[in-house]
Amino acid sequence: MTCDSAIRTANLTRDFGAVRAVDDLSLEVPRGLIFGFLGPNGAGKTTTIRLLLGLLEPTAGQAKVLDLDVRSQADRIRARTGALLEHNGLYERLTAEDNLEFYGRIYRLPRAVRRARTEELLTHLGLWERRAEPVKEWSRGMRQKLAVARALMHHPPLIFLDEPTAGLDPIAAASLREDLSSLAEREGTTVFLNTHNLPEAEKLCALVGVINKGRLVTVGSPDALRAQAGRPQIKIVGCRLDERVLAALRTQPQVAAAQMQNGSLIVELTENIEAAPLIRLIVEAGGEVEEVHRGQASLEEAFLALMNEEEA
């Protein structure tokens, strides 16, 4: 493993009877960034985390986490990392402060360090004023924030998060994403984030890997994946962008698709071309153009394109 890698796997494989949940996974995650592991439900994301934490024994292959071997040094890996998996690990009859005190003792932090770290994390997450309340009285979003604080209590250089915003309302999910990004940047923590929420990965992750049916499909930055799997686009805002306009655009050989999305006209191109001829065509067909934006397919569209290629 190179010194700048938090995680490295080579041909990592895990079978459950006749089912291969993780299939020949070779992956490297650099230190100090948020890595998004993307895939549909059942793709092998959670099994991969359990293998990396040493909670499951690999059927074949190798993996190192923080230069520690998952087969022979699993206890040390779990001591040096933080994790938020299916269950938040909180004791709901205890207060927020008491929960972090409990986990601080488990990690053998000195008393003064426990108290300072509790105040630091709860303040940063906007929970300090409610530290004396039993956790059972909190919203799910607040409990998830506290669970993230629990995972970070001992200053781990790497944390694993498995669908941390699943089940949260949009406001709570956005707030937790903002806190995760801020904490990771402030503390220099590497984050391994399992998610099938593509907009979430696009906002948070510097690097993403796509897994499907246990096999790694691709790894790259969100921009690279969009460029790899998505066509260039032009987004047009205006009036009278009706079926006549769409029909006129669809006659053009450089136009792969044209459709209305959320009140805007999205034109997918087969190649990068000047927008001016298409704008003239729209106006001649009776449309009125107010704004024109160039771009690429979203990460979600690129992901779906990759999944379709896998199924083909």
C-alpha atoms as a PDB file:
ATOM      1  CA  MET A   1       0.000   0.000   0.000  1.00  0.00           C
ATOM      2  CA  THR A   2       1.317   3.425  -0.886  1.00  0.00           C
ATOM      3  CA  CYS A   3       1.708   5.862   1.993  1.00  0.00           C
ATOM      4  CA  ASP A   4      -1.028   8.119   0.609  1.00  0.00           C
ATOM      5  CA  SER A   5      -3.636   5.334   0.502  1.00  0.00           C
ATOM      6  CA  ALA A   6      -6.179   4.874   3.279  1.00  0.00           C
ATOM      7  CA  ILE A   7      -7.577   1.692   1.707  1.00  0.00           C
ATOM      8  CA  ARG A   8      -6.256  -0.720  -0.851  1.00  0.00           C
ATOM      9  CA  THR A   9      -7.799  -3.996  -1.969  1.00  0.00           C
ATOM     10  CA  ALA A  10      -6.547  -6.615  -4.415  1.00  0.00           C
ATOM     11  CA  ASN A  11      -8.986  -9.148  -5.893  1.00  0.00           C
ATOM     12  CA  LEU A  12     -11.110  -8.989  -2.726  1.00  0.00           C
ATOM     13  CA  THR A  13     -13.910 -11.547  -2.911  1.00  0.00           C
ATOM     14  CA  ARG A  14     -16.662 -12.697  -0.561  1.00  0.00           C
ATOM     15  CA  ASP A  15     -19.095 -15.551  -1.167  1.00  0.00           C
ATOM     16  CA  PHE A  16     -22.216 -16.435   0.783  1.00  0.00           C
ATOM     17  CA  GLY A  17     -22.840 -19.979  -0.358  1.00  0.00           C
ATOM     18  CA  ALA A  18     -23.536 -19.818  -4.077  1.00  0.00           C
ATOM     19  CA  VAL A  19     -23.913 -16.025  -4.022  1.00  0.00           C
ATOM     20  CA  ARG A  20     -20.844 -13.876  -4.751  1.00  0.00           C
ATOM     21  CA  ALA A  21     -21.497 -10.603  -2.912  1.00  0.00           C
ATOM     22  CA  VAL A  22     -18.104  -8.986  -3.657  1.00  0.00           C
ATOM     23  CA  ASP A  23     -16.359 -10.136  -6.819  1.00  0.00           C
ATOM     24  CA  ASP A  24     -12.617  -9.590  -7.408  1.00  0.00           C
ATOM     25  CA  LEU A  25     -12.600  -6.019  -6.044  1.00  0.00           C
ATOM     26  CA  SER A  26      -9.357  -4.080  -6.598  1.00  0.00           C
ATOM     27  CA  LEU A  27      -9.651  -0.538  -5.292  1.00  0.00           C
ATOM     28  CA  GLU A  28      -7.465   2.227  -3.875  1.00  0.00           C
ATOM     29  CA  VAL A  29      -8.811   5.122  -1.791  1.00  0.00           C
ATOM     30  CA  PRO A  30      -6.412   8.047  -1.202  1.00  0.00           C
ATOM     31  CA  ARG A  31      -6.173   9.631   2.220  1.00  0.00           C
ATOM     32  CA  GLY A  32      -7.901  12.874   3.147  1.00  0.00           C
ATOM     33  CA  LEU A  33     -10.942  12.884   0.858  1.00  0.00           C
ATOM     34  CA  ILE A  34     -14.572  11.775   0.789  1.00  0.00           C
ATOM     35  CA  PHE A  35     -14.878   8.649  -1.340  1.00  0.00           C
ATOM     36  CA  GLY A  36     -18.337   7.690  -2.537  1.00  0.00           C
ATOM     37  CA  PHE A  37     -19.100   4.005  -3.125  1.00  0.00           C
ATOM     38  CA  LEU A  38     -22.128   3.989  -5.388  1.00  0.00           C
ATOM     39  CA  GLY A  39     -24.401   1.186  -6.377  1.00  0.00           C
ATOM     40  CA  PRO A  40     -27.991  -0.057  -6.313  1.00  0.00           C
ATOM     41  CA  ASN A  41     -29.350  -1.949  -3.325  1.00  0.00           C
ATOM     42  CA  GLY A  42     -27.733  -5.362  -3.112  1.00  0.00           C
ATOM     43  CA  ALA A  43     -24.675  -4.315  -5.134  1.00  0.00           C
ATOM     44  CA  GLY A  44     -22.205  -5.312  -2.402  1.00  0.00           C
ATOM     45  CA  LYS A  45     -21.542  -1.950  -0.744  1.00  0.00           C
ATOM     46  CA  THR A  46     -22.306  -2.975   2.853  1.00  0.00           C
ATOM     47  CA  THR A  47     -20.470  -6.289   2.484  1.00  0.00           C
ATOM     48  CA  THR A  48     -17.408  -4.355   1.301  1.00  0.00           C
ATOM     49  CA  ILE A  49     -17.429  -2.175   4.420  1.00  0.00           C
ATOM     50  CA  ARG A  50     -17.767  -5.247   6.642  1.00  0.00           C
ATOM     51  CA  LEU A  51     -14.797  -6.838   4.886  1.00  0.00           C
ATOM     52  CA  LEU A  52     -12.724  -3.677   5.322  1.00  0.00           C
ATOM     53  CA  LEU A  53     -13.564  -3.537   9.034  1.00  0.00           C
ATOM     54  CA  GLY A  54     -12.640  -7.188   9.496  1.00  0.00           C
ATOM     55  CA  LEU A  55     -16.193  -8.109  10.470  1.00  0.00           C
ATOM     56  CA  LEU A  56     -16.297 -10.642   7.628  1.00  0.00           C
ATOM     57  CA  GLU A  57     -13.516 -12.938   6.427  1.00  0.00           C
ATOM     58  CA  PRO A  58     -12.690 -12.625   2.707  1.00  0.00           C
ATOM     59  CA  THR A  59     -13.230 -15.716   0.604  1.00  0.00           C
ATOM     60  CA  ALA A  60     -10.252 -14.643  -1.508  1.00  0.00           C
ATOM     61  CA  GLY A  61      -8.035 -11.647  -2.129  1.00  0.00           C
ATOM     62  CA  GLN A  62      -6.414  -9.097   0.145  1.00  0.00           C
ATOM     63  CA  ALA A  63      -7.186  -5.733   1.717  1.00  0.00           C
ATOM     64  CA  LYS A  64      -5.316  -3.225   3.835  1.00  0.00           C
ATOM     65  CA  VAL A  65      -6.882  -0.380   5.798  1.00  0.00           C
ATOM     66  CA  LEU A  66      -4.510   2.262   7.203  1.00  0.00           C
ATOM     67  CA  ASP A  67      -1.655  -0.137   6.343  1.00  0.00           C
ATOM     68  CA  LEU A  68      -3.274  -2.858   8.488  1.00  0.00           C
ATOM     69  CA  ASP A  69      -4.282  -6.258   7.108  1.00  0.00           C
ATOM     70  CA  VAL A  70      -8.002  -7.060   7.392  1.00  0.00           C
ATOM     71  CA  ARG A  71      -7.334 -10.742   8.098  1.00  0.00           C
ATOM     72  CA  SER A  72      -4.705 -10.508  10.826  1.00  0.00           C
ATOM     73  CA  GLN A  73      -5.131  -6.973  12.246  1.00  0.00           C
ATOM     74  CA  ALA A  74      -8.895  -6.439  12.294  1.00  0.00           C
ATOM     75  CA  ASP A  75      -8.974  -5.376  15.955  1.00  0.00           C
ATOM     76  CA  ARG A  76      -6.447  -2.622  15.278  1.00  0.00           C
ATOM     77  CA  ILE A  77      -8.397  -1.472  12.222  1.00  0.00           C
ATOM     78  CA  ARG A  78     -11.597  -1.118  14.241  1.00  0.00           C
ATOM     79  CA  ALA A  79      -9.726   0.735  17.002  1.00  0.00           C
ATOM     80  CA  ARG A  80      -8.297   3.261  14.541  1.00  0.00           C
ATOM     81  CA  THR A  81     -11.428   3.848  12.441  1.00  0.00           C
ATOM     82  CA  GLY A  82     -14.952   5.085  13.055  1.00  0.00           C
ATOM     83  CA  ALA A  83     -18.102   3.537  11.615  1.00  0.00           C
ATOM     84  CA  LEU A  84     -21.786   4.328  11.240  1.00  0.00           C
ATOM     85  CA  LEU A  85     -23.500   1.291   9.762  1.00  0.00           C
ATOM     86  CA  GLU A  86     -27.152   0.152   9.823  1.00  0.00           C
ATOM     87  CA  HIS A  87     -27.617   0.980  13.508  1.00  0.00           C
ATOM     88  CA  ASN A  88     -26.572   4.291  14.991  1.00  0.00           C
ATOM     89  CA  GLY A  89     -25.069   2.726  18.131  1.00  0.00           C
ATOM     90  CA  LEU A  90     -26.702   5.258  20.451  1.00  0.00           C
ATOM     91  CA  TYR A  91     -28.254   4.581  23.838  1.00  0.00           C
ATOM     92  CA  GLU A  92     -31.492   6.497  23.595  1.00  0.00           C
ATOM     93  CA  ARG A  93     -32.182   6.687  27.345  1.00  0.00           C
ATOM     94  CA  LEU A  94     -28.873   8.493  27.809  1.00  0.00           C
ATOM     95  CA  THR A  95     -28.246  12.145  27.001  1.00  0.00           C
ATOM     96  CA  ALA A  96     -26.098  13.179  24.053  1.00  0.00           C
ATOM     97  CA  GLU A  97     -23.322  14.136  26.429  1.00  0.00           C
ATOM     98  CA  ASP A  98     -23.478  10.791  28.230  1.00  0.00           C
ATOM     99  CA  ASN A  99     -23.422   8.866  24.952  1.00  0.00           C
ATOM    100  CA  LEU A 100     -20.176  10.522  23.884  1.00  0.00           C
ATOM    101  CA  GLU A 101     -18.747  10.142  27.400  1.00  0.00           C
ATOM    102  CA  PHE A 102     -19.463   6.398  27.197  1.00  0.00           C
ATOM    103  CA  TYR A 103     -17.756   5.986  23.830  1.00  0.00           C
ATOM    104  CA  GLY A 104     -14.869   8.198  24.890  1.00  0.00           C
ATOM    105  CA  ARG A 105     -14.236   5.804  27.783  1.00  0.00           C
ATOM    106  CA  ILE A 106     -14.376   2.812  25.431  1.00  0.00           C
ATOM    107  CA  TYR A 107     -11.609   4.436  23.403  1.00  0.00           C
ATOM    108  CA  ARG A 108      -9.726   5.150  26.646  1.00  0.00           C
ATOM    109  CA  LEU A 109      -9.593   8.891  26.129  1.00  0.00           C
ATOM    110  CA  PRO A 110      -8.499  10.852  29.209  1.00  0.00           C
ATOM    111  CA  ARG A 111     -11.304  12.650  31.055  1.00  0.00           C
ATOM    112  CA  ALA A 112     -10.240  16.129  29.982  1.00  0.00           C
ATOM    113  CA  VAL A 113      -9.946  14.993  26.361  1.00  0.00           C
ATOM    114  CA  ARG A 114     -13.401  13.375  26.486  1.00  0.00           C
ATOM    115  CA  ARG A 115     -15.021  16.558  27.768  1.00  0.00           C
ATOM    116  CA  ALA A 116     -13.234  18.826  25.303  1.00  0.00           C
ATOM    117  CA  ARG A 117     -13.978  16.532  22.362  1.00  0.00           C
ATOM    118  CA  THR A 118     -17.661  16.243  23.336  1.00  0.00           C
ATOM    119  CA  GLU A 119     -18.053  20.007  23.445  1.00  0.00           C
ATOM    120  CA  GLU A 120     -16.134  20.445  20.196  1.00  0.00           C
ATOM    121  CA  LEU A 121     -18.213  17.948  18.219  1.00  0.00           C
ATOM    122  CA  LEU A 122     -21.617  18.869  19.641  1.00  0.00           C
ATOM    123  CA  THR A 123     -20.934  22.571  19.115  1.00  0.00           C
ATOM    124  CA  HIS A 124     -19.849  22.042  15.518  1.00  0.00           C
ATOM    125  CA  LEU A 125     -22.940  19.942  14.822  1.00  0.00           C
ATOM    126  CA  GLY A 126     -25.300  22.448  16.442  1.00  0.00           C
ATOM    127  CA  LEU A 127     -26.229  20.080  19.289  1.00  0.00           C
ATOM    128  CA  TRP A 128     -24.395  21.556  22.272  1.00  0.00           C
ATOM    129  CA  GLU A 129     -27.384  23.437  23.686  1.00  0.00           C
ATOM    130  CA  ARG A 130     -29.350  20.179  23.816  1.00  0.00           C
ATOM    131  CA  ARG A 131     -26.585  18.008  25.228  1.00  0.00           C
ATOM    132  CA  ALA A 132     -28.480  17.223  28.450  1.00  0.00           C
ATOM    133  CA  GLU A 133     -31.603  15.870  26.717  1.00  0.00           C
ATOM    134  CA  PRO A 134     -32.254  12.122  26.390  1.00  0.00           C
ATOM    135  CA  VAL A 135     -31.556  11.079  22.810  1.00  0.00           C
ATOM    136  CA  LYS A 136     -34.981   9.396  22.531  1.00  0.00           C
ATOM    137  CA  GLU A 137     -36.548  12.880  22.459  1.00  0.00           C
ATOM    138  CA  TRP A 138     -34.558  13.906  19.381  1.00  0.00           C
ATOM    139  CA  SER A 139     -35.486  13.796  15.709  1.00  0.00           C
ATOM    140  CA  ARG A 140     -33.919  11.156  13.470  1.00  0.00           C
ATOM    141  CA  GLY A 141     -31.756  13.820  11.827  1.00  0.00           C
ATOM    142  CA  MET A 142     -30.354  14.942  15.191  1.00  0.00           C
ATOM    143  CA  ARG A 143     -29.677  11.342  16.199  1.00  0.00           C
ATOM    144  CA  GLN A 144     -27.781  10.749  12.957  1.00  0.00           C
ATOM    145  CA  LYS A 145     -25.625  13.801  13.641  1.00  0.00           C
ATOM    146  CA  LEU A 146     -24.870  12.468  17.106  1.00  0.00           C
ATOM    147  CA  ALA A 147     -24.004   9.082  15.593  1.00  0.00           C
ATOM    148  CA  VAL A 148     -21.498  10.822  13.307  1.00  0.00           C
ATOM    149  CA  ALA A 149     -20.041  12.549  16.386  1.00  0.00           C
ATOM    150  CA  ARG A 150     -19.775   9.123  18.052  1.00  0.00           C
ATOM    151  CA  ALA A 151     -17.832   7.778  15.055  1.00  0.00           C
ATOM    152  CA  LEU A 152     -15.457  10.761  15.188  1.00  0.00           C
ATOM    153  CA  MET A 153     -15.020  10.851  18.972  1.00  0.00           C
ATOM    154  CA  HIS A 154     -11.506   9.365  19.024  1.00  0.00           C
ATOM    155  CA  HIS A 155     -10.106  11.402  16.077  1.00  0.00           C
ATOM    156  CA  PRO A 156     -10.003   8.461  13.650  1.00  0.00           C
ATOM    157  CA  PRO A 157      -8.128   9.089  10.391  1.00  0.00           C
ATOM    158  CA  LEU A 158     -10.813   7.108   8.516  1.00  0.00           C
ATOM    159  CA  ILE A 159     -14.561   6.666   8.995  1.00  0.00           C
ATOM    160  CA  PHE A 160     -17.030   4.381   7.224  1.00  0.00           C
ATOM    161  CA  LEU A 161     -20.573   5.634   6.670  1.00  0.00           C
ATOM    162  CA  ASP A 162     -23.274   3.349   5.278  1.00  0.00           C
ATOM    163  CA  GLU A 163     -26.207   5.355   3.855  1.00  0.00           C
ATOM    164  CA  PRO A 164     -26.031   7.980   6.662  1.00  0.00           C
ATOM    165  CA  THR A 165     -28.869  10.133   5.262  1.00  0.00           C
ATOM    166  CA  ALA A 166     -31.259   7.265   4.427  1.00  0.00           C
ATOM    167  CA  GLY A 167     -34.709   7.936   5.845  1.00  0.00           C
ATOM    168  CA  LEU A 168     -34.021  11.595   6.641  1.00  0.00           C
ATOM    169  CA  ASP A 169     -36.224  14.388   5.361  1.00  0.00           C
ATOM    170  CA  PRO A 170     -34.583  16.650   2.719  1.00  0.00           C
ATOM    171  CA  ILE A 171     -33.737  19.426   5.198  1.00  0.00           C
ATOM    172  CA  ALA A 172     -32.159  17.051   7.727  1.00  0.00           C
ATOM    173  CA  ALA A 173     -30.253  15.234   4.975  1.00  0.00           C
ATOM    174  CA  ALA A 174     -28.881  18.497   3.558  1.00  0.00           C
ATOM    175  CA  SER A 175     -27.829  19.632   7.034  1.00  0.00           C
ATOM    176  CA  LEU A 176     -26.022  16.344   7.736  1.00  0.00           C
ATOM    177  CA  ARG A 177     -24.229  16.478   4.354  1.00  0.00           C
ATOM    178  CA  GLU A 178     -23.023  19.997   5.101  1.00  0.00           C
ATOM    179  CA  ASP A 179     -21.766  18.921   8.528  1.00  0.00           C
ATOM    180  CA  LEU A 180     -19.981  15.878   7.080  1.00  0.00           C
ATOM    181  CA  SER A 181     -18.213  17.957   4.465  1.00  0.00           C
ATOM    182  CA  SER A 182     -17.156  20.553   7.024  1.00  0.00           C
ATOM    183  CA  LEU A 183     -15.961  17.993   9.568  1.00  0.00           C
ATOM    184  CA  ALA A 184     -14.001  15.985   7.005  1.00  0.00           C
ATOM    185  CA  GLU A 185     -12.245  19.116   5.756  1.00  0.00           C
ATOM    186  CA  ARG A 186     -11.563  20.506   9.230  1.00  0.00           C
ATOM    187  CA  GLU A 187     -10.213  17.252  10.685  1.00  0.00           C
ATOM    188  CA  GLY A 188      -8.528  15.823   7.594  1.00  0.00           C
ATOM    189  CA  THR A 189     -10.531  12.623   7.940  1.00  0.00           C
ATOM    190  CA  THR A 190     -10.881  10.179   5.060  1.00  0.00           C
ATOM    191  CA  VAL A 191     -14.544   9.231   4.576  1.00  0.00           C
ATOM    192  CA  PHE A 192     -15.701   6.016   2.868  1.00  0.00           C
ATOM    193  CA  LEU A 193     -19.341   6.755   2.058  1.00  0.00           C
ATOM    194  CA  ASN A 194     -21.750   4.072   0.876  1.00  0.00           C
ATOM    195  CA  THR A 195     -24.737   5.571  -0.889  1.00  0.00           C
ATOM    196  CA  HIS A 196     -27.204   5.092  -3.719  1.00  0.00           C
ATOM    197  CA  ASN A 197     -28.139   8.795  -3.446  1.00  0.00           C
ATOM    198  CA  LEU A 198     -26.406  10.184  -6.538  1.00  0.00           C
ATOM    199  CA  PRO A 199     -27.036  13.911  -5.879  1.00  0.00           C
ATOM    200  CA  GLU A 200     -25.525  13.361  -2.414  1.00  0.00           C
ATOM    201  CA  ALA A 201     -22.380  11.818  -3.898  1.00  0.00           C
ATOM    202  CA  GLU A 202     -22.127  14.609  -6.450  1.00  0.00           C
ATOM    203  CA  LYS A 203     -22.156  17.243  -3.698  1.00  0.00           C
ATOM    204  CA  LEU A 204     -19.850  15.494  -1.230  1.00  0.00           C
ATOM    205  CA  CYS A 205     -17.344  13.287  -3.004  1.00  0.00           C
ATOM    206  CA  ALA A 206     -14.014  14.078  -4.636  1.00  0.00           C
ATOM    207  CA  LEU A 207     -13.767  10.505  -5.917  1.00  0.00           C
ATOM    208  CA  VAL A 208     -16.414   7.845  -6.536  1.00  0.00           C
ATOM    209  CA  GLY A 209     -16.459   4.160  -7.346  1.00  0.00           C
ATOM    210  CA  VAL A 210     -19.414   2.388  -8.939  1.00  0.00           C
ATOM    211  CA  ILE A 211     -20.208  -1.211  -7.978  1.00  0.00           C
ATOM    212  CA  ASN A 212     -22.873  -3.482  -9.450  1.00  0.00           C
ATOM    213  CA  LYS A 213     -23.544  -7.123  -8.622  1.00  0.00           C
ATOM    214  CA  GLY A 214     -20.366  -7.217  -6.563  1.00  0.00           C
ATOM    215  CA  ARG A 215     -18.064  -6.033  -9.362  1.00  0.00           C
ATOM    216  CA  LEU A 216     -16.346  -2.663  -9.601  1.00  0.00           C
ATOM    217  CA  VAL A 217     -17.581  -0.904 -12.741  1.00  0.00           C
ATOM    218  CA  THR A 218     -15.439   2.248 -12.678  1.00  0.00           C
ATOM    219  CA  VAL A 219     -13.606   4.721 -10.421  1.00  0.00           C
ATOM    220  CA  GLY A 220     -13.082   8.417 -11.005  1.00  0.00           C
ATOM    221  CA  SER A 221     -14.060  11.938 -10.064  1.00  0.00           C
ATOM    222  CA  PRO A 222     -17.713  12.900 -10.572  1.00  0.00           C
ATOM    223  CA  ASP A 223     -16.622  15.092 -13.503  1.00  0.00           C
ATOM    224  CA  ALA A 224     -14.734  12.198 -15.088  1.00  0.00           C
ATOM    225  CA  LEU A 225     -17.730   9.871 -14.743  1.00  0.00           C
ATOM    226  CA  ARG A 226     -20.031  12.449 -16.278  1.00  0.00           C
ATOM    227  CA  ALA A 227     -17.635  12.881 -19.179  1.00  0.00           C
ATOM    228  CA  GLN A 228     -17.259   9.112 -19.566  1.00  0.00           C
ATOM    229  CA  ALA A 229     -20.921   8.164 -19.527  1.00  0.00           C
ATOM    230  CA  GLY A 230     -22.893  11.328 -20.229  1.00  0.00           C
ATOM    231  CA  ARG A 231     -23.330  13.358 -23.398  1.00  0.00           C
ATOM    232  CA  PRO A 232     -22.794  17.139 -23.562  1.00  0.00           C
ATOM    233  CA  GLN A 233     -25.983  19.086 -22.935  1.00  0.00           C
ATOM    234  CA  ILE A 234     -27.530  22.464 -23.506  1.00  0.00           C
ATOM    235  CA  LYS A 235     -30.162  23.688 -21.063  1.00  0.00           C
ATOM    236  CA  ILE A 236     -32.542  26.329 -22.424  1.00  0.00           C
ATOM    237  CA  VAL A 237     -34.968  28.442 -20.416  1.00  0.00           C
ATOM    238  CA  GLY A 238     -37.697  30.352 -22.193  1.00  0.00           C
ATOM    239  CA  CYS A 239     -41.295  30.387 -23.401  1.00  0.00           C
ATOM    240  CA  ARG A 240     -43.270  28.476 -26.022  1.00  0.00           C
ATOM    241  CA  LEU A 241     -40.836  25.566 -25.907  1.00  0.00           C
ATOM    242  CA  ASP A 242     -43.513  23.207 -27.145  1.00  0.00           C
ATOM    243  CA  GLU A 243     -43.769  20.098 -29.302  1.00  0.00           C
ATOM    244  CA  ARG A 244     -43.028  22.064 -32.500  1.00  0.00           C
ATOM    245  CA  VAL A 245     -39.679  23.115 -31.028  1.00  0.00           C
ATOM    246  CA  LEU A 246     -38.902  19.589 -29.835  1.00  0.00           C
ATOM    247  CA  ALA A 247     -39.784  18.108 -33.230  1.00  0.00           C
ATOM    248  CA  ALA A 248     -37.540  20.622 -35.022  1.00  0.00           C
ATOM    249  CA  LEU A 249     -34.595  19.865 -32.745  1.00  0.00           C
ATOM    250  CA  ARG A 250     -34.988  16.113 -33.137  1.00  0.00           C
ATOM    251  CA  THR A 251     -34.427  16.424 -36.900  1.00  0.00           C
ATOM    252  CA  GLN A 252     -30.858  17.608 -36.313  1.00  0.00           C
ATOM    253  CA  PRO A 253     -28.150  14.913 -36.605  1.00  0.00           C
ATOM    254  CA  GLN A 254     -26.130  16.439 -33.724  1.00  0.00           C
ATOM    255  CA  VAL A 255     -29.118  16.186 -31.346  1.00  0.00           C
ATOM    256  CA  ALA A 256     -29.280  12.860 -29.503  1.00  0.00           C
ATOM    257  CA  ALA A 257     -32.399  13.782 -27.501  1.00  0.00           C
ATOM    258  CA  ALA A 258     -34.556  16.783 -26.654  1.00  0.00           C
ATOM    259  CA  GLN A 259     -37.060  16.910 -23.805  1.00  0.00           C
ATOM    260  CA  MET A 260     -38.607  19.184 -21.209  1.00  0.00           C
ATOM    261  CA  GLN A 261     -37.436  18.754 -17.602  1.00  0.00           C
ATOM    262  CA  ASN A 262     -38.708  20.929 -14.738  1.00  0.00           C
ATOM    263  CA  GLY A 263     -39.752  23.707 -17.094  1.00  0.00           C
ATOM    264  CA  SER A 264     -36.457  23.779 -19.025  1.00  0.00           C
ATOM    265  CA  LEU A 265     -35.563  22.372 -22.428  1.00  0.00           C
ATOM    266  CA  ILE A 266     -32.703  19.856 -22.181  1.00  0.00           C
ATOM    267  CA  VAL A 267     -30.911  19.101 -25.452  1.00  0.00           C
ATOM    268  CA  GLU A 268     -28.454  16.194 -25.410  1.00  0.00           C
ATOM    269  CA  LEU A 269     -25.811  16.403 -28.120  1.00  0.00           C
ATOM    270  CA  THR A 270     -23.813  13.698 -29.860  1.00  0.00           C
ATOM    271  CA  GLU A 271     -20.774  16.017 -29.767  1.00  0.00           C
ATOM    272  CA  ASN A 272     -19.807  19.482 -28.599  1.00  0.00           C
ATOM    273  CA  ILE A 273     -21.136  21.977 -31.153  1.00  0.00           C
ATOM    274  CA  GLU A 274     -21.964  25.672 -31.195  1.00  0.00           C
ATOM    275  CA  ALA A 275     -25.342  26.452 -29.648  1.00  0.00           C
ATOM    276  CA  ALA A 276     -26.178  29.334 -32.014  1.00  0.00           C
ATOM    277  CA  PRO A 277     -27.619  27.217 -34.892  1.00  0.00           C
ATOM    278  CA  LEU A 278     -29.883  25.355 -32.455  1.00  0.00           C
ATOM    279  CA  ILE A 279     -31.071  28.610 -30.885  1.00  0.00           C
ATOM    280  CA  ARG A 280     -31.961  29.942 -34.353  1.00  0.00           C
ATOM    281  CA  LEU A 281     -33.875  26.743 -35.058  1.00  0.00           C
ATOM    282  CA  ILE A 282     -35.835  27.106 -31.799  1.00  0.00           C
ATOM    283  CA  VAL A 283     -36.759  30.720 -32.592  1.00  0.00           C
ATOM    284  CA  GLU A 284     -37.801  29.801 -36.144  1.00  0.00           C
ATOM    285  CA  ALA A 285     -40.065  27.093 -34.661  1.00  0.00           C
ATOM    286  CA  GLY A 286     -41.812  29.706 -32.489  1.00  0.00           C
ATOM    287  CA  GLY A 287     -39.868  29.382 -29.231  1.00  0.00           C
ATOM    288  CA  GLU A 288     -38.553  32.265 -27.141  1.00  0.00           C
ATOM    289  CA  VAL A 289     -35.126  31.838 -25.542  1.00  0.00           C
ATOM    290  CA  GLU A 290     -34.246  33.653 -22.303  1.00  0.00           C
ATOM    291  CA  GLU A 291     -31.219  31.698 -20.985  1.00  0.00           C
ATOM    292  CA  VAL A 292     -28.779  29.153 -22.399  1.00  0.00           C
ATOM    293  CA  HIS A 293     -26.517  26.985 -20.213  1.00  0.00           C
ATOM    294  CA  ARG A 294     -23.936  24.447 -21.339  1.00  0.00           C
ATOM    295  CA  GLY A 295     -23.233  21.387 -19.260  1.00  0.00           C
ATOM    296  CA  GLN A 296     -22.973  17.631 -19.071  1.00  0.00           C
ATOM    297  CA  ALA A 297     -25.253  14.921 -17.860  1.00  0.00           C
ATOM    298  CA  SER A 298     -25.690  14.765 -14.086  1.00  0.00           C
ATOM    299  CA  LEU A 299     -23.880  12.093 -12.095  1.00  0.00           C
ATOM    300  CA  GLU A 300     -27.228  10.338 -11.737  1.00  0.00           C
ATOM    301  CA  GLU A 301     -27.654  10.211 -15.515  1.00  0.00           C
ATOM    302  CA  ALA A 302     -24.078   9.010 -15.948  1.00  0.00           C
ATOM    303  CA  PHE A 303     -24.638   6.320 -13.294  1.00  0.00           C
ATOM    304  CA  LEU A 304     -27.787   5.078 -15.023  1.00  0.00           C
ATOM    305  CA  ALA A 305     -25.918   4.960 -18.334  1.00  0.00           C
ATOM    306  CA  LEU A 306     -23.218   2.808 -16.710  1.00  0.00           C
ATOM    307  CA  MET A 307     -25.841   0.488 -15.226  1.00  0.00           C
ATOM    308  CA  ASN A 308     -27.509   0.139 -18.618  1.00  0.00           C
ATOM    309  CA  GLU A 309     -24.173  -0.735 -20.224  1.00  0.00           C
ATOM    310  CA  GLU A 310     -23.622  -3.400 -17.535  1.00  0.00           C
ATOM    311  CA  GLU A 311     -27.023  -4.944 -18.231  1.00  0.00           C
ATOM    312  CA  ALA A 312     -26.593  -4.886 -22.014  1.00  0.00           C
END
